[in-house]
Amino acid sequence: MIKLVRDPDVQILAAARRVLTTEAEALQMLADTIPIEFERAVEAMLDAPGRIIVSGIGKSGHIGRKIASTLASTGTPAIFLHAAEASHGDLGMITRDDVCLLLSNSGETAELKDILAYIRRFEIPLIAISARSNSALMRAADYGLLLPNAPEACSNGLAPTTSTTLMLALGDALAIALMEARGFAAENFHQLHPGGRLGAQLSRVAEIMHGGEELPIVPFDAGMAETLLAMTARGFGMAIVTEPESGKLAGVVTDGDLRRNMAGLMDRTAGAIATRTPVSVKPETLAAEALALMNRHAISVLPVVNESGVPVGVLHVHDLLRAGVA
């Protein structure tokens, strides 16, 4: 086991800045000199009837896993194939309908040889990411994405640092270019990310709201006893007031409206004290947008109306909290 002794002359923050500056400069180089085959590679991925098979070994393999995951989560079916496992039967995961994306900084990685031979044998499209233009991998590729000649951020110039950052960034660029070319929208994103806070923020009001018999609805001419009963029974601190004939939203009665109209309250109707033209949302509104609306207007509950303006639901801030949106 190697025993290391701390060097008292090393400036930790200076080392961090040097690494980040080195990698940032390399990323700028990549942005300024995007590989000439990049667009053709994206077109090949778009045209593929199958999946994108991503492979690499070592640090490139870790980056490959992330790229495959990003592709899959943004609308491009992809899997990661471990280079060593491929030589023991997993080559069967690759079909003629797929496109392969192989990662190797040197382009001479021995573990990729079996995959490379299989791809060439069955004429499967190959995209390569490497830092050496004359490497075996780049020579075999249909679309070679050459990384800029940038130094590793490691002080010894050996540990994969800048090179893996460039690979990851180029993978992100491929994924987002594909996502935008496919017209992958927020609703598609939600289908693939139903869990966690992100999934909650992308959910629609219709998925969270209360509807049906839970709605505290009273007609415009409802007496105050009926209005108070609806507010109390449903527990939203609000009654939705509707127009007598159309059933459209006419207003809401809140606890605040009750306090402002205490004088002769029981002799009045819901429509007489209701807040007219209240803030409302549609069922298809994003839950995150509904929360922003609540915050903007300093309210905790929203009526939900359909395209005709008829109440179909009610959304409380507590619902958003339970769903993980707030």
Protein backbone atom coordinates (compact mmCIF):
# COMPACT_ATOMS: atom_id res chain seq x y z
CA MET A 1 0.00 0.00 0.00
CA ILE A 2 1.34 3.41 -0.94
CA LYS A 3 1.75 5.67 2.07
CA LEU A 4 1.41 9.35 1.27
CA VAL A 5 2.50 12.25 3.43
CA ARG A 6 0.72 15.58 3.17
CA ASP A 7 2.74 18.26 1.38
CA PRO A 8 2.54 21.42 3.49
CA ASP A 9 3.35 23.60 0.46
CA VAL A 10 0.22 22.62 -1.48
CA GLN A 11 -2.39 25.37 -1.62
CA ILE A 12 -5.73 23.55 -1.67
CA LEU A 13 -7.88 26.37 -3.05
CA ALA A 14 -5.27 27.22 -5.66
CA ALA A 15 -5.32 23.59 -6.82
CA ALA A 16 -9.11 23.67 -7.08
CA ARG A 17 -9.05 26.88 -9.14
CA ARG A 18 -6.37 25.46 -11.42
CA VAL A 19 -8.40 22.32 -12.10
CA LEU A 20 -11.63 24.22 -12.75
CA THR A 21 -9.89 26.78 -14.96
CA THR A 22 -8.13 24.07 -16.96
CA GLU A 23 -11.36 22.17 -17.57
CA ALA A 24 -13.35 25.33 -18.32
CA GLU A 25 -10.80 26.36 -20.94
CA ALA A 26 -11.01 22.89 -22.49
CA LEU A 27 -14.80 23.09 -22.63
CA GLN A 28 -14.53 26.45 -24.38
CA MET A 29 -12.16 24.87 -26.89
CA LEU A 30 -14.72 22.14 -27.51
CA ALA A 31 -17.50 24.70 -27.97
CA ASP A 32 -15.35 26.66 -30.42
CA THR A 33 -14.37 23.56 -32.41
CA ILE A 34 -17.38 21.25 -32.32
CA PRO A 35 -16.40 18.03 -34.15
CA ILE A 36 -17.26 18.29 -37.84
CA GLU A 37 -19.09 14.94 -37.73
CA PHE A 38 -21.34 16.04 -34.83
CA GLU A 39 -24.38 16.91 -36.94
CA ARG A 40 -24.12 13.74 -39.03
CA ALA A 41 -23.81 11.70 -35.84
CA VAL A 42 -26.99 13.24 -34.48
CA GLU A 43 -28.79 12.53 -37.75
CA ALA A 44 -27.67 8.90 -37.60
CA MET A 45 -29.05 8.60 -34.06
CA LEU A 46 -32.31 10.22 -35.11
CA ASP A 47 -32.70 7.81 -38.02
CA ALA A 48 -31.89 4.70 -35.97
CA PRO A 49 -34.97 2.45 -35.63
CA GLY A 50 -33.37 0.82 -32.59
CA ARG A 51 -31.43 2.11 -29.60
CA ILE A 52 -28.15 3.86 -28.91
CA ILE A 53 -25.68 1.35 -27.45
CA VAL A 54 -23.07 3.17 -25.37
CA SER A 55 -19.87 1.46 -24.24
CA GLY A 56 -16.51 2.19 -22.68
CA ILE A 57 -14.24 0.93 -19.93
CA GLY A 58 -12.79 2.51 -16.81
CA LYS A 59 -13.49 6.23 -16.42
CA SER A 60 -14.86 6.33 -19.98
CA GLY A 61 -17.28 3.59 -18.97
CA HIS A 62 -18.56 5.64 -16.04
CA ILE A 63 -19.08 8.59 -18.39
CA GLY A 64 -20.76 6.26 -20.89
CA ARG A 65 -23.28 5.15 -18.26
CA LYS A 66 -24.20 8.78 -17.60
CA ILE A 67 -24.54 9.53 -21.32
CA ALA A 68 -26.78 6.50 -21.86
CA SER A 69 -28.94 7.55 -18.92
CA THR A 70 -29.21 11.13 -20.19
CA LEU A 71 -30.14 9.93 -23.68
CA ALA A 72 -32.84 7.61 -22.34
CA SER A 73 -34.33 10.25 -20.04
CA THR A 74 -34.58 12.81 -22.84
CA GLY A 75 -36.40 10.70 -25.40
CA THR A 76 -33.66 8.69 -27.10
CA PRO A 77 -33.77 4.97 -26.19
CA ALA A 78 -30.29 3.98 -25.01
CA ILE A 79 -28.51 1.40 -22.89
CA PHE A 80 -24.98 1.05 -21.55
CA LEU A 81 -23.11 -2.12 -22.53
CA HIS A 82 -20.16 -3.04 -20.32
CA ALA A 83 -17.18 -3.62 -22.62
CA ALA A 84 -15.87 -6.63 -20.70
CA GLU A 85 -19.30 -8.27 -20.39
CA ALA A 86 -19.83 -7.80 -24.12
CA SER A 87 -17.10 -10.35 -24.78
CA HIS A 88 -18.99 -12.93 -22.71
CA GLY A 89 -22.36 -12.96 -24.44
CA ASP A 90 -23.69 -9.44 -24.06
CA LEU A 91 -22.84 -8.61 -27.67
CA GLY A 92 -26.26 -10.11 -28.30
CA MET A 93 -27.75 -6.88 -26.94
CA ILE A 94 -26.65 -5.09 -30.11
CA THR A 95 -28.94 -5.37 -33.14
CA ARG A 96 -28.68 -4.17 -36.72
CA ASP A 97 -31.24 -1.48 -35.91
CA ASP A 98 -28.99 0.13 -33.30
CA VAL A 99 -26.28 2.77 -33.39
CA CYS A 100 -23.20 2.28 -31.22
CA LEU A 101 -21.42 5.07 -29.36
CA LEU A 102 -17.97 4.00 -28.13
CA LEU A 103 -15.84 6.10 -25.78
CA SER A 104 -12.08 5.87 -25.40
CA ASN A 105 -9.68 8.75 -24.83
CA SER A 106 -6.79 6.89 -26.42
CA GLY A 107 -8.91 5.10 -29.00
CA GLU A 108 -6.83 1.97 -28.43
CA THR A 109 -8.71 0.40 -25.49
CA ALA A 110 -8.22 -3.35 -25.70
CA GLU A 111 -11.57 -4.17 -24.07
CA LEU A 112 -13.42 -2.50 -26.97
CA LYS A 113 -11.88 -4.72 -29.66
CA ASP A 114 -14.57 -7.42 -29.54
CA ILE A 115 -17.38 -4.85 -29.72
CA LEU A 116 -15.59 -3.09 -32.54
CA ALA A 117 -15.15 -6.30 -34.52
CA TYR A 118 -18.83 -7.22 -33.99
CA ILE A 119 -20.02 -3.79 -35.11
CA ARG A 120 -17.92 -3.86 -38.27
CA ARG A 121 -18.94 -7.45 -39.08
CA PHE A 122 -22.65 -6.61 -39.03
CA GLU A 123 -22.25 -3.09 -40.47
CA ILE A 124 -23.79 -1.38 -37.44
CA PRO A 125 -23.30 2.42 -37.47
CA LEU A 126 -20.48 3.50 -35.14
CA ILE A 127 -19.95 6.86 -33.46
CA ALA A 128 -16.63 7.24 -31.64
CA ILE A 129 -15.49 9.81 -29.09
CA SER A 130 -11.73 9.96 -28.69
CA ALA A 131 -8.83 12.41 -28.36
CA ARG A 132 -6.68 10.71 -31.04
CA SER A 133 -7.69 11.11 -34.65
CA ASN A 134 -5.44 8.31 -35.95
CA SER A 135 -6.46 5.74 -33.31
CA ALA A 136 -7.93 2.37 -34.24
CA LEU A 137 -11.32 3.42 -32.87
CA MET A 138 -11.47 6.66 -34.86
CA ARG A 139 -10.32 4.96 -38.05
CA ALA A 140 -13.09 2.38 -37.73
CA ALA A 141 -15.82 4.89 -36.90
CA ASP A 142 -18.47 6.09 -39.32
CA TYR A 143 -18.69 9.31 -37.32
CA GLY A 144 -15.61 10.33 -35.35
CA LEU A 145 -16.06 12.99 -32.68
CA LEU A 146 -12.57 14.24 -31.89
CA LEU A 147 -11.92 15.86 -28.52
CA PRO A 148 -9.67 18.95 -28.48
CA ASN A 149 -6.03 18.57 -27.53
CA ALA A 150 -6.33 19.83 -23.96
CA PRO A 151 -4.18 18.93 -20.94
CA GLU A 152 -5.53 16.84 -18.09
CA ALA A 153 -6.23 18.92 -14.99
CA CYS A 154 -4.24 16.46 -12.89
CA SER A 155 -0.90 18.01 -11.85
CA ASN A 156 0.86 14.87 -13.15
CA GLY A 157 -1.07 15.04 -16.40
CA LEU A 158 -2.15 11.42 -15.98
CA ALA A 159 -5.49 11.09 -14.16
CA PRO A 160 -8.51 11.29 -16.51
CA THR A 161 -10.00 14.66 -15.60
CA THR A 162 -10.26 17.10 -18.48
CA SER A 163 -10.77 14.25 -20.96
CA THR A 164 -13.71 12.77 -19.07
CA THR A 165 -15.26 16.21 -18.57
CA LEU A 166 -15.08 16.77 -22.32
CA MET A 167 -16.64 13.37 -23.03
CA LEU A 168 -19.48 14.04 -20.61
CA ALA A 169 -20.14 17.50 -22.05
CA LEU A 170 -20.11 16.16 -25.62
CA GLY A 171 -22.55 13.43 -24.55
CA ASP A 172 -24.84 16.08 -23.06
CA ALA A 173 -24.62 18.04 -26.31
CA LEU A 174 -25.65 14.95 -28.29
CA ALA A 175 -28.55 14.21 -25.94
CA ILE A 176 -29.94 17.75 -25.94
CA ALA A 177 -29.53 18.15 -29.71
CA LEU A 178 -31.50 14.90 -30.13
CA MET A 179 -34.10 15.98 -27.57
CA GLU A 180 -34.75 19.27 -29.35
CA ALA A 181 -34.76 17.66 -32.78
CA ARG A 182 -37.42 15.20 -31.57
CA GLY A 183 -39.54 18.01 -30.08
CA PHE A 184 -39.28 16.38 -26.64
CA ALA A 185 -41.47 18.59 -24.40
CA ALA A 186 -42.18 18.93 -20.68
CA GLU A 187 -45.10 16.49 -20.81
CA ASN A 188 -42.83 13.87 -22.39
CA PHE A 189 -40.23 14.54 -19.72
CA HIS A 190 -42.81 13.92 -17.02
CA GLN A 191 -43.67 10.52 -18.48
CA LEU A 192 -40.06 9.43 -18.01
CA HIS A 193 -39.54 11.18 -14.67
CA PRO A 194 -42.64 10.38 -12.59
CA GLY A 195 -40.75 10.07 -9.32
CA GLY A 196 -39.12 12.57 -6.99
CA ARG A 197 -39.42 16.31 -6.81
CA LEU A 198 -38.82 16.79 -10.52
CA GLY A 199 -41.69 14.46 -11.37
CA ALA A 200 -43.94 16.27 -8.92
CA GLN A 201 -43.17 19.68 -10.42
CA LEU A 202 -43.94 18.36 -13.88
CA SER A 203 -47.26 16.85 -12.81
CA ARG A 204 -50.53 18.49 -13.84
CA VAL A 205 -53.16 20.04 -11.58
CA ALA A 206 -55.61 17.33 -12.71
CA GLU A 207 -53.38 14.70 -11.08
CA ILE A 208 -53.44 16.42 -7.67
CA MET A 209 -56.73 18.34 -7.38
CA HIS A 210 -59.90 17.29 -5.57
CA GLY A 211 -62.98 16.77 -7.72
CA GLY A 212 -66.46 15.34 -7.82
CA GLU A 213 -68.30 15.27 -4.49
CA GLU A 214 -65.36 16.87 -2.73
CA LEU A 215 -66.04 20.22 -4.40
CA PRO A 216 -67.46 22.91 -2.04
CA ILE A 217 -69.86 24.28 -4.68
CA VAL A 218 -72.87 26.48 -3.90
CA PRO A 219 -75.16 28.34 -6.31
CA PHE A 220 -75.04 32.12 -6.59
CA ASP A 221 -78.25 32.56 -4.60
CA ALA A 222 -77.36 30.08 -1.84
CA GLY A 223 -78.12 31.23 1.68
CA MET A 224 -75.32 31.72 4.15
CA ALA A 225 -76.24 28.62 6.17
CA GLU A 226 -75.77 26.45 3.06
CA THR A 227 -72.54 28.27 2.19
CA LEU A 228 -71.05 27.83 5.66
CA LEU A 229 -72.01 24.16 5.66
CA ALA A 230 -70.23 23.60 2.32
CA MET A 231 -67.12 25.40 3.55
CA THR A 232 -67.02 23.43 6.79
CA ALA A 233 -67.85 20.02 5.36
CA ARG A 234 -65.21 20.12 2.61
CA GLY A 235 -62.44 21.64 4.73
CA PHE A 236 -60.91 23.95 2.12
CA GLY A 237 -61.78 27.23 3.88
CA MET A 238 -63.56 28.30 0.72
CA ALA A 239 -66.81 27.81 -1.21
CA ILE A 240 -66.99 27.95 -4.99
CA VAL A 241 -69.93 30.04 -6.18
CA THR A 242 -71.47 29.23 -9.57
CA GLU A 243 -73.75 31.06 -11.97
CA PRO A 244 -77.38 29.87 -11.64
CA GLU A 245 -77.92 28.68 -15.24
CA SER A 246 -74.53 28.08 -16.84
CA GLY A 247 -72.83 26.58 -13.79
CA LYS A 248 -69.75 28.64 -14.57
CA LEU A 249 -67.48 30.01 -11.87
CA ALA A 250 -68.96 33.24 -10.53
CA GLY A 251 -66.74 33.75 -7.51
CA VAL A 252 -65.47 32.29 -4.26
CA VAL A 253 -66.37 32.83 -0.64
CA THR A 254 -63.38 32.66 1.69
CA ASP A 255 -62.89 33.09 5.42
CA GLY A 256 -61.76 36.61 4.63
CA ASP A 257 -65.02 37.37 2.82
CA LEU A 258 -66.95 36.18 5.87
CA ARG A 259 -65.00 38.46 8.21
CA ARG A 260 -65.44 41.45 5.93
CA ASN A 261 -69.21 40.96 5.84
CA MET A 262 -70.03 40.13 9.46
CA ALA A 263 -72.81 42.73 9.70
CA GLY A 264 -76.06 40.92 8.76
CA LEU A 265 -74.05 38.00 7.40
CA MET A 266 -76.73 35.33 7.85
CA ASP A 267 -79.22 37.37 5.87
CA ARG A 268 -77.03 37.53 2.77
CA THR A 269 -76.41 35.16 -0.14
CA ALA A 270 -73.18 33.60 -1.33
CA GLY A 271 -73.16 35.74 -4.47
CA ALA A 272 -73.60 38.92 -2.44
CA ILE A 273 -70.36 38.52 -0.51
CA ALA A 274 -68.29 36.44 -2.95
CA THR A 275 -65.03 37.63 -4.43
CA ARG A 276 -65.87 37.91 -8.12
CA THR A 277 -63.53 36.80 -10.96
CA PRO A 278 -61.23 34.89 -8.62
CA VAL A 279 -57.85 33.46 -9.63
CA SER A 280 -58.31 29.98 -11.10
CA VAL A 281 -56.39 27.37 -13.07
CA LYS A 282 -57.10 24.74 -15.72
CA PRO A 283 -56.67 21.00 -15.07
CA GLU A 284 -53.78 20.83 -17.54
CA THR A 285 -51.80 23.56 -15.75
CA LEU A 286 -48.45 22.39 -14.38
CA ALA A 287 -48.53 21.94 -10.61
CA ALA A 288 -45.44 24.13 -10.30
CA GLU A 289 -47.23 26.93 -12.19
CA ALA A 290 -50.23 26.64 -9.86
CA LEU A 291 -47.91 26.98 -6.86
CA ALA A 292 -46.30 30.07 -8.37
CA LEU A 293 -49.77 31.55 -8.88
CA MET A 294 -50.67 30.91 -5.24
CA ASN A 295 -47.46 32.57 -4.09
CA ARG A 296 -47.99 35.56 -6.37
CA HIS A 297 -51.49 36.21 -5.07
CA ALA A 298 -50.81 35.12 -1.46
CA ILE A 299 -53.62 32.54 -1.51
CA SER A 300 -53.70 28.90 -0.40
CA VAL A 301 -56.51 27.42 -2.50
CA LEU A 302 -57.52 27.62 -6.16
CA PRO A 303 -60.68 26.64 -8.03
CA VAL A 304 -59.98 24.54 -11.11
CA VAL A 305 -62.18 25.22 -14.16
CA ASN A 306 -62.53 23.59 -17.56
CA GLU A 307 -62.44 25.33 -20.94
CA SER A 308 -66.08 26.46 -20.46
CA GLY A 309 -65.32 28.03 -17.09
CA VAL A 310 -67.21 25.36 -15.13
CA PRO A 311 -65.56 24.30 -11.84
CA VAL A 312 -64.19 20.75 -12.00
CA GLY A 313 -61.82 20.76 -9.06
CA VAL A 314 -60.17 22.55 -6.18
CA LEU A 315 -56.46 22.67 -5.38
CA HIS A 316 -55.07 23.42 -1.92
CA VAL A 317 -51.46 24.25 -1.13
CA HIS A 318 -51.46 21.23 1.19
CA ASP A 319 -52.07 19.04 -1.87
CA LEU A 320 -48.96 20.50 -3.47
CA LEU A 321 -46.97 19.89 -0.31
CA ARG A 322 -48.08 16.27 -0.13
CA ALA A 323 -47.21 15.77 -3.79
CA GLY A 324 -43.72 17.18 -3.22
CA VAL A 325 -44.21 20.22 -5.44
CA ALA A 326 -43.87 22.86 -2.72
